[in-house]
């Protein structure tokens, strides 16, 4: 059944803050995202550490779209003094910031960049866009 999920930039605008998210990229991550071992183990870690997450879409664009590929918004501040953030960062990244798991990309979206799409929040924006598509 189709499910409506928020774009990561919309989540940032709703929170009025920068946000963290994880994207699964590459040939390895084609098909049913519910079966990605890396995603399953990440969700297990999040739940074990009581870190709130939700499925999210990529950065919204009126010039194209992509299907949901397992992306996750992580409801934590980007703060190296936050113990839960450090658990997550240490799980996903090497000390030099490179990914520990190939194709599992950990991102921070600053609010300033998310605000570039604030016009998407205007009532009827997407309906009008769809009519003109």
N, C-alpha and C. Protein backbone atom coordinates (compact mmCIF):
# COMPACT_ATOMS: atom_id res chain seq x y z
N UNK A 1 0.84 -1.17 0.00
CA UNK A 1 0.00 0.00 0.00
C UNK A 1 0.89 1.24 0.00
N UNK A 2 0.61 2.21 -0.82
CA UNK A 2 1.41 3.44 -0.83
C UNK A 2 1.32 4.18 0.50
N UNK A 3 2.43 4.78 0.87
CA UNK A 3 2.51 5.54 2.11
C UNK A 3 3.09 6.90 1.78
N UNK A 4 2.54 7.95 2.35
CA UNK A 4 3.07 9.29 2.15
C UNK A 4 4.16 9.52 3.19
N UNK A 5 5.34 9.89 2.71
CA UNK A 5 6.44 10.21 3.61
C UNK A 5 6.93 11.62 3.30
N UNK A 6 7.50 12.27 4.30
CA UNK A 6 7.96 13.64 4.12
C UNK A 6 9.35 13.66 3.47
N UNK A 7 9.58 14.70 2.68
CA UNK A 7 10.91 14.94 2.13
C UNK A 7 11.81 15.41 3.28
N UNK A 8 13.10 15.11 3.19
CA UNK A 8 14.01 15.48 4.27
C UNK A 8 14.07 17.00 4.46
N UNK A 9 13.97 17.76 3.38
CA UNK A 9 14.00 19.21 3.53
C UNK A 9 12.73 19.74 4.21
N UNK A 10 11.61 19.08 3.99
CA UNK A 10 10.36 19.45 4.67
C UNK A 10 10.47 19.16 6.17
N UNK A 11 11.10 18.04 6.51
CA UNK A 11 11.30 17.71 7.92
C UNK A 11 12.13 18.81 8.59
N UNK A 12 13.19 19.25 7.93
CA UNK A 12 14.04 20.31 8.49
C UNK A 12 13.24 21.61 8.67
N UNK A 13 12.43 21.95 7.68
CA UNK A 13 11.62 23.17 7.80
C UNK A 13 10.59 23.04 8.91
N UNK A 14 9.98 21.87 9.05
CA UNK A 14 9.02 21.66 10.13
C UNK A 14 9.68 21.78 11.50
N UNK A 15 10.90 21.27 11.63
CA UNK A 15 11.63 21.34 12.90
C UNK A 15 12.28 22.70 13.11
N UNK A 16 12.45 23.45 12.01
CA UNK A 16 13.18 24.72 12.03
C UNK A 16 14.61 24.51 12.55
N UNK A 17 15.23 23.44 12.03
CA UNK A 17 16.60 23.09 12.43
C UNK A 17 17.20 22.18 11.37
N UNK A 18 18.51 22.07 11.38
CA UNK A 18 19.18 21.12 10.51
C UNK A 18 18.84 19.70 10.94
N UNK A 19 18.95 18.75 10.02
CA UNK A 19 18.56 17.37 10.31
C UNK A 19 19.59 16.37 9.78
N UNK A 20 19.59 15.21 10.41
CA UNK A 20 20.44 14.09 10.01
C UNK A 20 19.62 13.08 9.23
N UNK A 21 20.24 12.46 8.25
CA UNK A 21 19.55 11.38 7.55
C UNK A 21 20.55 10.42 6.93
N UNK A 22 20.06 9.22 6.63
CA UNK A 22 20.88 8.17 6.05
C UNK A 22 20.26 7.75 4.72
N UNK A 23 21.12 7.62 3.72
CA UNK A 23 20.71 7.23 2.37
C UNK A 23 21.46 5.97 1.99
N UNK A 24 20.80 5.08 1.28
CA UNK A 24 21.39 3.83 0.82
C UNK A 24 21.56 3.95 -0.69
N UNK A 25 22.82 4.03 -1.15
CA UNK A 25 23.12 4.32 -2.55
C UNK A 25 23.90 3.18 -3.19
N UNK A 26 23.68 2.97 -4.48
CA UNK A 26 24.48 2.02 -5.23
C UNK A 26 23.72 0.78 -5.63
N UNK A 27 24.37 -0.01 -6.47
CA UNK A 27 23.78 -1.23 -7.02
C UNK A 27 23.31 -2.19 -5.94
N UNK A 28 24.04 -2.26 -4.85
CA UNK A 28 23.71 -3.18 -3.77
C UNK A 28 22.32 -2.91 -3.21
N UNK A 29 21.90 -1.65 -3.28
CA UNK A 29 20.64 -1.25 -2.66
C UNK A 29 19.55 -1.04 -3.70
N UNK A 30 19.25 -2.07 -4.43
CA UNK A 30 18.15 -2.06 -5.38
C UNK A 30 17.13 -3.08 -4.89
N UNK A 31 15.87 -2.76 -5.07
CA UNK A 31 14.84 -3.70 -4.66
C UNK A 31 14.21 -3.31 -3.34
N UNK A 32 13.79 -4.31 -2.60
CA UNK A 32 13.04 -4.11 -1.36
C UNK A 32 13.96 -3.63 -0.24
N UNK A 33 13.82 -2.35 0.14
CA UNK A 33 14.70 -1.77 1.17
C UNK A 33 14.50 -2.45 2.52
N UNK A 34 13.37 -3.08 2.74
CA UNK A 34 13.12 -3.76 4.01
C UNK A 34 14.07 -4.95 4.20
N UNK A 35 14.74 -5.36 3.12
CA UNK A 35 15.64 -6.52 3.19
C UNK A 35 17.12 -6.13 3.21
N UNK A 36 17.44 -4.84 3.14
CA UNK A 36 18.84 -4.40 3.18
C UNK A 36 19.40 -4.73 4.56
N UNK A 37 20.42 -5.58 4.60
CA UNK A 37 21.02 -5.96 5.89
C UNK A 37 21.53 -4.75 6.65
N UNK A 38 22.16 -3.82 5.94
CA UNK A 38 22.72 -2.63 6.58
C UNK A 38 21.61 -1.76 7.19
N UNK A 39 20.50 -1.67 6.51
CA UNK A 39 19.37 -0.88 7.01
C UNK A 39 18.74 -1.56 8.23
N UNK A 40 18.59 -2.86 8.15
CA UNK A 40 18.03 -3.63 9.27
C UNK A 40 18.90 -3.47 10.51
N UNK A 41 20.23 -3.58 10.35
CA UNK A 41 21.11 -3.46 11.51
C UNK A 41 21.14 -2.02 12.04
N UNK A 42 21.03 -1.02 11.15
CA UNK A 42 20.97 0.37 11.60
C UNK A 42 19.70 0.61 12.42
N UNK A 43 18.58 0.14 11.93
CA UNK A 43 17.32 0.31 12.66
C UNK A 43 17.40 -0.38 14.03
N UNK A 44 18.01 -1.53 14.07
CA UNK A 44 18.18 -2.24 15.35
C UNK A 44 19.00 -1.38 16.32
N UNK A 45 20.09 -0.79 15.83
CA UNK A 45 20.91 0.09 16.66
C UNK A 45 20.11 1.29 17.15
N UNK A 46 19.37 1.91 16.25
CA UNK A 46 18.55 3.07 16.62
C UNK A 46 17.56 2.71 17.72
N UNK A 47 16.89 1.59 17.55
CA UNK A 47 15.90 1.17 18.54
C UNK A 47 16.54 0.78 19.87
N UNK A 48 17.70 0.12 19.82
CA UNK A 48 18.39 -0.25 21.06
C UNK A 48 18.80 0.98 21.87
N UNK A 49 19.12 2.06 21.17
CA UNK A 49 19.57 3.28 21.84
C UNK A 49 18.45 4.32 21.96
N UNK A 50 17.24 3.88 21.68
CA UNK A 50 16.04 4.74 21.78
C UNK A 50 16.23 6.05 21.00
N UNK A 51 16.72 5.89 19.78
CA UNK A 51 16.89 7.02 18.87
C UNK A 51 15.70 7.01 17.91
N UNK A 52 14.97 8.11 17.89
CA UNK A 52 13.78 8.22 17.05
C UNK A 52 14.21 8.40 15.60
N UNK A 53 13.50 7.73 14.69
CA UNK A 53 13.77 7.84 13.26
C UNK A 53 12.45 7.72 12.52
N UNK A 54 12.47 8.12 11.26
CA UNK A 54 11.31 7.89 10.40
C UNK A 54 11.79 7.79 8.96
N UNK A 55 11.01 7.10 8.17
CA UNK A 55 11.30 7.02 6.75
C UNK A 55 11.13 8.40 6.15
N UNK A 56 11.97 8.74 5.20
CA UNK A 56 11.88 10.05 4.56
C UNK A 56 12.25 9.93 3.09
N UNK A 57 11.83 10.92 2.34
CA UNK A 57 12.21 10.99 0.93
C UNK A 57 13.43 11.90 0.79
N UNK A 58 14.03 11.88 -0.37
CA UNK A 58 15.17 12.76 -0.64
C UNK A 58 14.74 14.22 -0.65
N UNK A 59 15.69 15.09 -0.82
CA UNK A 59 15.46 16.53 -0.97
C UNK A 59 14.47 16.72 -2.11
N UNK A 60 13.40 17.45 -1.88
CA UNK A 60 12.35 17.62 -2.89
C UNK A 60 12.83 18.48 -4.05
N UNK A 61 12.33 18.17 -5.23
CA UNK A 61 12.67 18.95 -6.42
C UNK A 61 11.49 18.97 -7.36
N UNK A 62 11.19 20.14 -7.89
CA UNK A 62 10.11 20.20 -8.86
C UNK A 62 10.58 19.81 -10.27
N UNK A 63 11.86 19.46 -10.40
CA UNK A 63 12.43 19.10 -11.70
C UNK A 63 12.55 17.60 -11.91
N UNK A 64 12.17 16.84 -10.92
CA UNK A 64 12.24 15.39 -11.03
C UNK A 64 11.91 14.75 -9.70
N UNK A 65 11.91 13.46 -9.65
CA UNK A 65 11.60 12.75 -8.42
C UNK A 65 12.29 11.40 -8.45
N UNK A 66 12.36 10.80 -7.29
CA UNK A 66 12.92 9.46 -7.19
C UNK A 66 12.05 8.67 -6.22
N UNK A 67 12.10 7.37 -6.36
CA UNK A 67 11.30 6.52 -5.48
C UNK A 67 11.99 6.36 -4.13
N UNK A 68 11.23 5.90 -3.16
CA UNK A 68 11.78 5.67 -1.83
C UNK A 68 12.74 4.49 -1.89
N UNK A 69 13.93 4.69 -1.33
CA UNK A 69 14.95 3.65 -1.35
C UNK A 69 15.49 3.36 0.05
N UNK A 70 14.62 3.53 1.05
CA UNK A 70 15.01 3.17 2.41
C UNK A 70 15.58 4.30 3.25
N UNK A 71 15.58 5.53 2.75
CA UNK A 71 16.16 6.65 3.48
C UNK A 71 15.52 6.81 4.86
N UNK A 72 16.34 7.22 5.83
CA UNK A 72 15.86 7.40 7.19
C UNK A 72 16.27 8.76 7.73
N UNK A 73 15.30 9.48 8.26
CA UNK A 73 15.57 10.70 9.04
C UNK A 73 15.89 10.25 10.45
N UNK A 74 16.95 10.81 11.03
CA UNK A 74 17.35 10.47 12.39
C UNK A 74 17.12 11.69 13.27
N UNK A 75 16.28 11.55 14.27
CA UNK A 75 15.89 12.68 15.12
C UNK A 75 16.89 12.87 16.26
N UNK A 76 18.07 13.37 15.88
CA UNK A 76 19.12 13.71 16.83
C UNK A 76 19.75 15.02 16.38
N UNK A 77 20.29 15.79 17.32
CA UNK A 77 21.04 16.98 16.90
C UNK A 77 22.41 16.58 16.36
N UNK A 78 22.93 17.38 15.44
CA UNK A 78 24.30 17.20 14.95
C UNK A 78 25.21 17.82 16.00
N UNK A 79 25.58 16.99 17.00
CA UNK A 79 26.27 17.51 18.17
C UNK A 79 27.21 16.44 18.71
N UNK A 80 28.51 16.65 18.55
CA UNK A 80 29.49 15.66 18.98
C UNK A 80 29.58 15.53 20.51
N UNK A 81 28.85 16.35 21.24
CA UNK A 81 28.79 16.21 22.70
C UNK A 81 27.59 15.35 23.12
N UNK A 82 26.71 15.04 22.15
CA UNK A 82 25.53 14.23 22.40
C UNK A 82 25.93 12.75 22.30
N UNK A 83 25.75 12.01 23.38
CA UNK A 83 26.19 10.61 23.42
C UNK A 83 25.50 9.76 22.36
N UNK A 84 24.21 9.96 22.16
CA UNK A 84 23.50 9.16 21.15
C UNK A 84 23.99 9.50 19.75
N UNK A 85 24.27 10.78 19.50
CA UNK A 85 24.82 11.15 18.20
C UNK A 85 26.15 10.44 17.97
N UNK A 86 27.00 10.41 18.99
CA UNK A 86 28.31 9.78 18.84
C UNK A 86 28.19 8.27 18.62
N UNK A 87 27.22 7.63 19.25
CA UNK A 87 26.97 6.20 18.99
C UNK A 87 26.66 6.01 17.50
N UNK A 88 25.78 6.85 16.98
CA UNK A 88 25.39 6.76 15.58
C UNK A 88 26.56 7.05 14.65
N UNK A 89 27.27 8.14 14.90
CA UNK A 89 28.40 8.51 14.04
C UNK A 89 29.45 7.40 14.05
N UNK A 90 29.76 6.87 15.22
CA UNK A 90 30.78 5.81 15.31
C UNK A 90 30.33 4.53 14.61
N UNK A 91 29.04 4.30 14.58
CA UNK A 91 28.50 3.14 13.88
C UNK A 91 28.59 3.30 12.36
N UNK A 92 28.33 4.51 11.89
CA UNK A 92 28.23 4.75 10.44
C UNK A 92 29.52 5.22 9.77
N UNK A 93 30.41 5.87 10.52
CA UNK A 93 31.58 6.49 9.90
C UNK A 93 32.88 6.08 10.56
N UNK A 94 33.93 6.06 9.73
CA UNK A 94 35.29 5.90 10.23
C UNK A 94 35.73 7.23 10.84
N UNK A 95 36.85 7.23 11.52
CA UNK A 95 37.35 8.46 12.16
C UNK A 95 37.56 9.59 11.17
N UNK A 96 37.88 9.26 9.93
CA UNK A 96 38.12 10.31 8.92
C UNK A 96 36.84 10.77 8.23
N UNK A 97 35.69 10.27 8.68
CA UNK A 97 34.41 10.69 8.12
C UNK A 97 33.93 9.87 6.94
N UNK A 98 34.72 8.91 6.50
CA UNK A 98 34.29 8.04 5.40
C UNK A 98 33.31 7.00 5.92
N UNK A 99 32.41 6.52 5.05
CA UNK A 99 31.42 5.52 5.48
C UNK A 99 32.07 4.19 5.87
N UNK A 100 31.58 3.59 6.93
CA UNK A 100 32.04 2.26 7.33
C UNK A 100 31.45 1.18 6.43
N UNK A 101 30.25 1.43 5.91
CA UNK A 101 29.57 0.46 5.06
C UNK A 101 29.41 1.08 3.67
N UNK A 102 29.87 0.38 2.68
CA UNK A 102 29.78 0.88 1.32
C UNK A 102 28.33 1.21 0.95
N UNK A 103 28.12 2.43 0.47
CA UNK A 103 26.80 2.84 0.02
C UNK A 103 25.86 3.34 1.09
N UNK A 104 26.28 3.29 2.35
CA UNK A 104 25.45 3.80 3.45
C UNK A 104 25.99 5.18 3.80
N UNK A 105 25.26 6.20 3.36
CA UNK A 105 25.73 7.58 3.45
C UNK A 105 24.98 8.32 4.56
N UNK A 106 25.75 8.94 5.44
CA UNK A 106 25.22 9.67 6.60
C UNK A 106 25.38 11.16 6.31
N UNK A 107 24.24 11.89 6.31
CA UNK A 107 24.25 13.29 5.92
C UNK A 107 23.66 14.20 6.99
N UNK A 108 24.09 15.45 6.93
CA UNK A 108 23.49 16.52 7.71
C UNK A 108 22.97 17.55 6.71
N UNK A 109 21.71 17.92 6.84
CA UNK A 109 21.10 18.94 5.99
C UNK A 109 20.87 20.19 6.84
N UNK A 110 21.66 21.26 6.60
CA UNK A 110 21.43 22.50 7.35
C UNK A 110 20.09 23.12 6.99
N UNK A 111 19.49 23.80 7.94
CA UNK A 111 18.20 24.45 7.72
C UNK A 111 18.29 25.45 6.57
N UNK A 112 19.41 26.16 6.45
CA UNK A 112 19.55 27.18 5.40
C UNK A 112 19.35 26.57 4.01
N UNK A 113 19.83 25.36 3.80
CA UNK A 113 19.66 24.70 2.50
C UNK A 113 18.22 24.22 2.34
N UNK A 114 17.65 23.67 3.40
CA UNK A 114 16.25 23.22 3.34
C UNK A 114 15.31 24.37 3.04
N UNK A 115 15.65 25.56 3.49
CA UNK A 115 14.79 26.74 3.28
C UNK A 115 14.75 27.16 1.80
N UNK A 116 15.66 26.67 0.99
CA UNK A 116 15.62 26.99 -0.44
C UNK A 116 14.33 26.46 -1.09
N UNK A 117 13.70 25.50 -0.44
CA UNK A 117 12.45 24.93 -0.96
C UNK A 117 11.24 25.36 -0.15
N UNK A 118 11.34 26.44 0.59
CA UNK A 118 10.21 26.86 1.42
C UNK A 118 8.97 27.14 0.57
N UNK A 119 9.14 27.50 -0.69
CA UNK A 119 7.99 27.73 -1.57
C UNK A 119 7.15 26.46 -1.76
N UNK A 120 7.74 25.29 -1.52
CA UNK A 120 6.99 24.04 -1.61
C UNK A 120 5.91 23.94 -0.54
N UNK A 121 6.05 24.71 0.52
CA UNK A 121 5.11 24.64 1.64
C UNK A 121 3.87 25.50 1.44
N UNK A 122 3.87 26.30 0.39
CA UNK A 122 2.71 27.14 0.12
C UNK A 122 1.50 26.26 -0.21
N UNK A 123 0.32 26.59 0.31
CA UNK A 123 -0.87 25.78 0.04
C UNK A 123 -1.09 25.61 -1.48
N UNK A 124 -1.31 24.38 -1.87
CA UNK A 124 -1.61 24.08 -3.27
C UNK A 124 -0.40 24.01 -4.19
N UNK A 125 0.82 24.21 -3.67
CA UNK A 125 2.00 24.22 -4.54
C UNK A 125 2.11 22.94 -5.36
N UNK A 126 2.09 21.78 -4.70
CA UNK A 126 2.29 20.52 -5.42
C UNK A 126 1.11 20.17 -6.32
N UNK A 127 -0.08 20.55 -5.92
CA UNK A 127 -1.24 20.29 -6.77
C UNK A 127 -1.12 21.09 -8.07
N UNK A 128 -0.73 22.36 -7.96
CA UNK A 128 -0.55 23.18 -9.15
C UNK A 128 0.60 22.65 -10.01
N UNK A 129 1.67 22.24 -9.34
CA UNK A 129 2.82 21.67 -10.07
C UNK A 129 2.37 20.44 -10.87
N UNK A 130 1.57 19.57 -10.24
CA UNK A 130 1.11 18.35 -10.91
C UNK A 130 0.22 18.68 -12.12
N UNK A 131 -0.60 19.69 -12.00
CA UNK A 131 -1.46 20.08 -13.12
C UNK A 131 -0.64 20.57 -14.32
N UNK A 132 0.47 21.23 -14.05
CA UNK A 132 1.29 21.79 -15.11
C UNK A 132 2.36 20.83 -15.60
N UNK A 133 2.49 19.68 -14.96
CA UNK A 133 3.53 18.71 -15.30
C UNK A 133 3.32 18.13 -16.67
